[in-house]
Amino acid sequence: LRRYFRQHRVPPELGRRIMRYLEYHEDQKRRTVQESELPLLGCLTKELRSQLRYVGYMHTLREHPLFRVVEQLSDITMHRICDIALQERPLAERDPLFFQGEAGQQMDVVVRGEAVYVQKPPGISNRYEGDETTLTVNRTSMNSAVSEGLHANHPKKMVSDSDGVIKVTVSKNTFLGEAALWMPWRHCGDAYAVRECFVISLNAKAFGETVQRCPYVHSNVGKYAQYLVRFLYKSQRKGRLSDITDMDEAQYSLDRMMETGRINTNSDDMDARGSADDEGEDLDFSKE
């Protein structure tokens, strides 16, 4: 491998990252049994394989209050979401998850590892921030956050005094880009892996199509989306918009959904992407 790097003039830093990720990958193979190592699983029916995926993914998805309720409303719908709309995304050190201003197509959830979320004010160039200086600074912030016992759903912010860039360290069970499930969305910041990371991504289109198949779930999820989108508009007006899901806001939106009383089972009342009330016109939430 080193000879290959020399022959192809691979930059030393890129070579180091590749070596580090391969070592991480081999370590994970030793620690965990891979599905590819169990040929007997290939004999399972589609339904049994779906059950396996469901069990594996729900440990993480239940960290979000909405998915706990959807599971209670219709475990069949949650099985379909896990089987159809989710995909796994391993990330190496400094790999990007998404970029500021980019159209959001999915919600990402950190399952293992750590990432950094960076928001830049207007006028700051949108360039790749995965350099060693950025990551070193955020490792310091990350270690401080861990020492203070902060929960993953309440990341610690670090603001640069020089240019006003906000950097947030996120770790296990952090949900990013949830708004893409409910409305046209452009990311408000960049997200990168600080070190090797494992992420599951919920495709917005597949999620909407799956939820629509059950009018009862669709109606309730639509109500949740209405309240959450209102929070997003308020956050935009206050200049506090972020891709990171605020679990307090999510729980409040869920509580309001459950307090609305009569359940509407007409699936035509809500757009597949969960459009909001009359405030919910298409707006660009990205920071220019």
Protein backbone atom coordinates (compact mmCIF):
# COMPACT_ATOMS: atom_id res chain seq x y z
CA LEU A 1 0.00 0.00 0.00
CA ARG A 2 2.82 2.42 0.82
CA ARG A 3 4.48 1.56 -2.51
CA TYR A 4 1.18 2.31 -4.24
CA PHE A 5 1.07 5.71 -2.51
CA ARG A 6 4.60 6.49 -3.68
CA GLN A 7 3.93 5.41 -7.27
CA HIS A 8 0.78 7.55 -7.48
CA ARG A 9 2.27 10.47 -5.54
CA VAL A 10 -0.44 10.38 -2.94
CA PRO A 11 0.01 13.35 -0.54
CA PRO A 12 1.35 12.21 2.85
CA GLU A 13 -1.65 13.56 4.79
CA LEU A 14 -4.13 11.76 2.53
CA GLY A 15 -2.08 8.58 2.84
CA ARG A 16 -2.17 8.92 6.62
CA ARG A 17 -5.95 9.28 6.60
CA ILE A 18 -6.35 6.25 4.36
CA MET A 19 -4.09 4.14 6.58
CA ARG A 20 -5.93 5.29 9.68
CA TYR A 21 -9.32 4.41 8.22
CA LEU A 22 -8.16 0.98 7.05
CA GLU A 23 -6.82 0.27 10.54
CA TYR A 24 -10.15 1.40 11.98
CA HIS A 25 -12.05 -0.78 9.50
CA GLU A 26 -9.99 -3.85 10.39
CA ASP A 27 -10.45 -3.15 14.09
CA GLN A 28 -14.24 -2.93 13.64
CA LYS A 29 -14.20 -6.25 11.76
CA ARG A 30 -12.46 -7.88 14.70
CA ARG A 31 -14.84 -6.33 17.23
CA THR A 32 -18.13 -6.96 15.44
CA VAL A 33 -19.51 -9.85 13.43
CA GLN A 34 -20.24 -8.68 9.89
CA GLU A 35 -23.30 -9.84 7.96
CA SER A 36 -21.01 -10.78 5.06
CA GLU A 37 -19.31 -13.32 7.37
CA LEU A 38 -22.58 -15.19 7.89
CA PRO A 39 -23.58 -16.82 4.59
CA LEU A 40 -26.51 -18.49 6.35
CA LEU A 41 -28.22 -15.10 6.56
CA GLY A 42 -28.53 -15.22 2.78
CA CYS A 43 -31.09 -17.99 3.25
CA LEU A 44 -33.44 -15.75 5.21
CA THR A 45 -36.72 -14.58 3.76
CA LYS A 46 -37.14 -10.91 2.90
CA GLU A 47 -39.36 -10.48 5.95
CA LEU A 48 -36.80 -11.95 8.35
CA ARG A 49 -34.01 -9.77 6.92
CA SER A 50 -36.31 -6.77 7.35
CA GLN A 51 -36.83 -7.74 10.99
CA LEU A 52 -33.05 -7.84 11.52
CA ARG A 53 -32.61 -4.35 10.04
CA TYR A 54 -35.46 -3.06 12.18
CA VAL A 55 -33.92 -4.36 15.41
CA GLY A 56 -30.53 -2.88 14.53
CA TYR A 57 -31.71 0.59 13.49
CA MET A 58 -34.40 1.18 16.11
CA HIS A 59 -31.87 1.31 18.94
CA THR A 60 -30.75 4.62 17.42
CA LEU A 61 -34.05 5.93 16.03
CA ARG A 62 -35.80 5.58 19.39
CA GLU A 63 -33.55 8.38 20.67
CA HIS A 64 -35.86 10.72 18.72
CA PRO A 65 -39.33 11.05 20.35
CA LEU A 66 -41.15 11.09 17.01
CA PHE A 67 -39.95 7.65 15.97
CA ARG A 68 -40.86 6.17 19.32
CA VAL A 69 -44.44 7.37 18.77
CA VAL A 70 -44.55 6.25 15.14
CA GLU A 71 -43.46 2.80 16.30
CA GLN A 72 -46.36 2.77 18.76
CA LEU A 73 -48.83 3.97 16.12
CA SER A 74 -47.71 1.47 13.49
CA ASP A 75 -44.74 -0.81 13.90
CA ILE A 76 -45.38 -1.95 10.33
CA THR A 77 -44.61 1.59 9.12
CA MET A 78 -41.40 1.68 11.16
CA HIS A 79 -40.38 -1.69 9.73
CA ARG A 80 -40.89 -0.29 6.22
CA ILE A 81 -38.92 2.87 7.04
CA CYS A 82 -35.98 0.82 8.34
CA ASP A 83 -36.11 -1.51 5.35
CA ILE A 84 -36.67 1.00 2.54
CA ALA A 85 -35.60 4.51 3.59
CA LEU A 86 -32.43 3.97 5.65
CA GLN A 87 -28.88 3.48 4.48
CA GLU A 88 -25.54 3.21 6.28
CA ARG A 89 -22.72 5.72 5.73
CA PRO A 90 -19.28 5.02 7.19
CA LEU A 91 -17.08 8.14 7.28
CA ALA A 92 -13.31 8.43 7.56
CA GLU A 93 -11.59 11.21 9.49
CA ARG A 94 -12.45 14.60 7.85
CA ASP A 95 -14.97 13.11 5.43
CA PRO A 96 -17.80 15.61 4.77
CA LEU A 97 -21.39 14.74 5.59
CA PHE A 98 -22.92 17.81 3.90
CA PHE A 99 -22.07 21.40 3.01
CA GLN A 100 -23.67 24.73 3.81
CA GLY A 101 -26.16 25.82 1.14
CA GLU A 102 -26.48 22.30 -0.25
CA ALA A 103 -30.02 20.97 -0.78
CA GLY A 104 -30.93 18.54 2.00
CA GLN A 105 -32.15 15.16 0.80
CA GLN A 106 -32.00 13.18 4.03
CA MET A 107 -31.73 13.20 7.81
CA ASP A 108 -28.42 11.91 9.19
CA VAL A 109 -27.94 10.30 12.60
CA VAL A 110 -24.54 9.77 14.21
CA VAL A 111 -24.40 6.19 15.48
CA ARG A 112 -20.71 5.99 16.36
CA GLY A 113 -17.84 8.42 16.37
CA GLU A 114 -17.76 12.20 16.41
CA ALA A 115 -18.40 14.98 13.92
CA VAL A 116 -18.18 18.75 13.86
CA TYR A 117 -20.91 21.09 12.63
CA VAL A 118 -19.68 24.47 11.32
CA GLN A 119 -21.81 27.53 10.58
CA LYS A 120 -20.18 30.45 8.76
CA PRO A 121 -21.61 33.98 8.68
CA PRO A 122 -22.31 35.78 5.36
CA GLY A 123 -19.14 36.79 3.55
CA ILE A 124 -17.07 33.83 4.72
CA SER A 125 -16.00 31.65 1.80
CA ASN A 126 -17.61 28.23 1.59
CA ARG A 127 -14.54 26.01 1.39
CA TYR A 128 -13.63 22.56 2.62
CA GLU A 129 -12.88 22.93 6.35
CA GLY A 130 -11.36 19.50 6.94
CA ASP A 131 -7.89 20.82 7.63
CA GLU A 132 -5.76 19.82 10.60
CA THR A 133 -6.15 23.17 12.38
CA THR A 134 -9.94 23.01 12.35
CA LEU A 135 -9.99 19.45 13.61
CA THR A 136 -7.43 20.10 16.33
CA VAL A 137 -9.48 22.99 17.67
CA ASN A 138 -12.64 20.91 17.68
CA ARG A 139 -10.97 17.97 19.39
CA THR A 140 -10.19 20.36 22.25
CA SER A 141 -13.84 21.46 22.36
CA MET A 142 -14.96 17.86 22.12
CA ASN A 143 -12.79 16.74 25.04
CA SER A 144 -14.09 19.63 27.12
CA ALA A 145 -17.68 18.69 26.28
CA VAL A 146 -17.10 15.08 27.25
CA SER A 147 -15.46 16.06 30.53
CA GLU A 148 -18.48 18.18 31.41
CA GLY A 149 -20.82 15.24 30.73
CA LEU A 150 -22.86 16.96 28.01
CA HIS A 151 -25.50 14.82 26.30
CA ALA A 152 -25.20 14.27 22.55
CA ASN A 153 -28.52 16.02 21.96
CA HIS A 154 -27.17 19.18 23.59
CA PRO A 155 -23.89 19.79 21.74
CA LYS A 156 -21.39 22.33 23.01
CA LYS A 157 -20.91 25.46 20.90
CA MET A 158 -17.56 27.16 20.34
CA VAL A 159 -17.56 30.54 18.63
CA SER A 160 -14.43 31.85 16.92
CA ASP A 161 -13.71 35.41 18.09
CA SER A 162 -11.96 36.31 14.84
CA ASP A 163 -14.61 35.55 12.23
CA GLY A 164 -17.79 34.54 14.10
CA VAL A 165 -17.71 30.96 12.84
CA ILE A 166 -19.76 28.65 15.09
CA LYS A 167 -18.37 25.16 15.58
CA VAL A 168 -20.38 22.48 17.36
CA THR A 169 -19.08 19.06 18.32
CA VAL A 170 -21.69 16.35 17.84
CA SER A 171 -21.49 12.69 18.77
CA LYS A 172 -23.62 9.58 19.25
CA ASN A 173 -27.40 9.91 18.72
CA THR A 174 -27.24 13.42 17.23
CA PHE A 175 -29.82 14.04 14.49
CA LEU A 176 -28.83 16.35 11.62
CA GLY A 177 -30.90 17.75 8.77
CA GLU A 178 -34.30 16.59 10.06
CA ALA A 179 -35.98 19.58 8.39
CA ALA A 180 -35.35 17.94 5.00
CA LEU A 181 -38.04 15.41 5.91
CA TRP A 182 -40.70 18.11 6.21
CA MET A 183 -39.92 20.84 3.68
CA PRO A 184 -37.53 21.98 0.93
CA TRP A 185 -34.32 22.57 2.90
CA ARG A 186 -30.81 23.86 2.36
CA HIS A 187 -28.20 23.07 4.97
CA CYS A 188 -27.28 25.93 7.29
CA GLY A 189 -23.74 24.69 7.90
CA ASP A 190 -21.09 22.12 7.07
CA ALA A 191 -20.70 18.77 8.84
CA TYR A 192 -17.51 16.69 8.89
CA ALA A 193 -16.28 13.61 10.69
CA VAL A 194 -13.76 14.56 13.39
CA ARG A 195 -12.61 10.97 13.51
CA GLU A 196 -13.96 7.73 12.06
CA CYS A 197 -17.72 7.90 12.15
CA PHE A 198 -20.71 5.70 11.38
CA VAL A 199 -23.91 7.41 10.27
CA ILE A 200 -27.34 6.20 9.18
CA SER A 201 -29.23 8.36 6.70
CA LEU A 202 -33.01 8.55 6.31
CA ASN A 203 -33.93 9.46 2.74
CA ALA A 204 -36.59 12.19 2.75
CA LYS A 205 -38.41 11.06 -0.39
CA ALA A 206 -38.53 7.39 0.63
CA PHE A 207 -39.62 8.37 4.14
CA GLY A 208 -42.49 10.48 2.83
CA GLU A 209 -43.67 7.78 0.45
CA THR A 210 -43.53 5.15 3.19
CA VAL A 211 -45.43 7.25 5.74
CA GLN A 212 -48.12 8.03 3.15
CA ARG A 213 -48.98 4.35 2.92
CA CYS A 214 -50.58 4.53 6.38
CA PRO A 215 -53.09 7.46 6.53
CA TYR A 216 -53.29 7.24 10.34
CA VAL A 217 -49.52 7.70 10.73
CA HIS A 218 -49.38 10.21 7.87
CA SER A 219 -51.94 12.47 9.52
CA ASN A 220 -50.16 12.45 12.87
CA VAL A 221 -46.68 12.94 11.43
CA GLY A 222 -48.04 15.84 9.39
CA LYS A 223 -49.23 17.56 12.57
CA TYR A 224 -45.81 17.10 14.15
CA ALA A 225 -44.24 18.63 11.04
CA GLN A 226 -46.52 21.68 11.25
CA TYR A 227 -45.40 22.53 14.77
CA LEU A 228 -41.73 21.81 14.10
CA VAL A 229 -41.68 23.97 10.96
CA ARG A 230 -43.12 26.85 13.00
CA PHE A 231 -40.11 26.54 15.31
CA LEU A 232 -37.83 26.69 12.27
CA TYR A 233 -39.41 29.93 11.08
CA LYS A 234 -39.04 31.43 14.56
CA SER A 235 -35.41 30.33 14.67
CA GLN A 236 -34.80 31.88 11.26
CA ARG A 237 -36.21 35.22 12.39
CA LYS A 238 -33.93 35.11 15.46
CA GLY A 239 -30.89 34.14 13.41
CA ARG A 240 -30.54 30.81 15.24
CA LEU A 241 -31.34 28.34 12.48
CA SER A 242 -29.39 25.09 12.61
CA ASP A 243 -29.34 21.63 11.05
CA ILE A 244 -29.05 20.01 14.49
CA THR A 245 -32.36 18.77 15.87
CA ASP A 246 -33.29 20.45 19.14
CA MET A 247 -34.87 17.61 21.13
CA ASP A 248 -36.79 20.02 23.35
CA GLU A 249 -38.48 21.52 20.29
CA ALA A 250 -39.09 18.06 18.85
CA GLN A 251 -40.69 16.89 22.10
CA TYR A 252 -42.87 20.01 22.30
CA SER A 253 -44.02 19.52 18.69
CA LEU A 254 -44.82 15.90 19.48
CA ASP A 255 -46.78 16.86 22.61
CA ARG A 256 -48.84 19.35 20.61
CA MET A 257 -49.45 16.69 17.95
CA MET A 258 -50.82 14.33 20.58
CA GLU A 259 -53.00 17.06 22.13
CA THR A 260 -54.81 17.93 18.91
CA GLY A 261 -57.58 15.45 19.71
CA ARG A 262 -59.39 13.84 16.79
CA ILE A 263 -57.11 11.92 14.44
CA ASN A 264 -57.50 12.86 10.79
CA THR A 265 -57.06 9.82 8.54
CA ASN A 266 -57.34 11.70 5.25
CA SER A 267 -53.89 11.31 3.72
CA ASP A 268 -54.62 14.06 1.17
CA ASP A 269 -54.60 16.71 3.89
CA MET A 270 -50.83 16.69 4.18
CA ASP A 271 -48.20 16.78 1.49
CA ALA A 272 -45.82 13.80 1.40
CA ARG A 273 -43.01 16.04 2.58
CA GLY A 274 -45.05 17.30 5.51
CA SER A 275 -45.75 20.85 4.36
CA ALA A 276 -46.64 23.25 7.12
CA ASP A 277 -49.52 25.68 7.59
CA ASP A 278 -49.99 28.90 5.63
CA GLU A 279 -46.58 30.07 6.86
CA GLY A 280 -44.98 27.10 5.14
CA GLU A 281 -44.25 28.56 1.71
CA ASP A 282 -41.00 27.47 0.11
CA LEU A 283 -38.23 29.49 1.73
CA ASP A 284 -34.47 29.11 1.45
CA PHE A 285 -33.22 28.43 4.96
CA SER A 286 -29.56 28.36 3.97
CA LYS A 287 -27.23 31.12 5.06
CA GLU A 288 -25.84 32.86 2.05
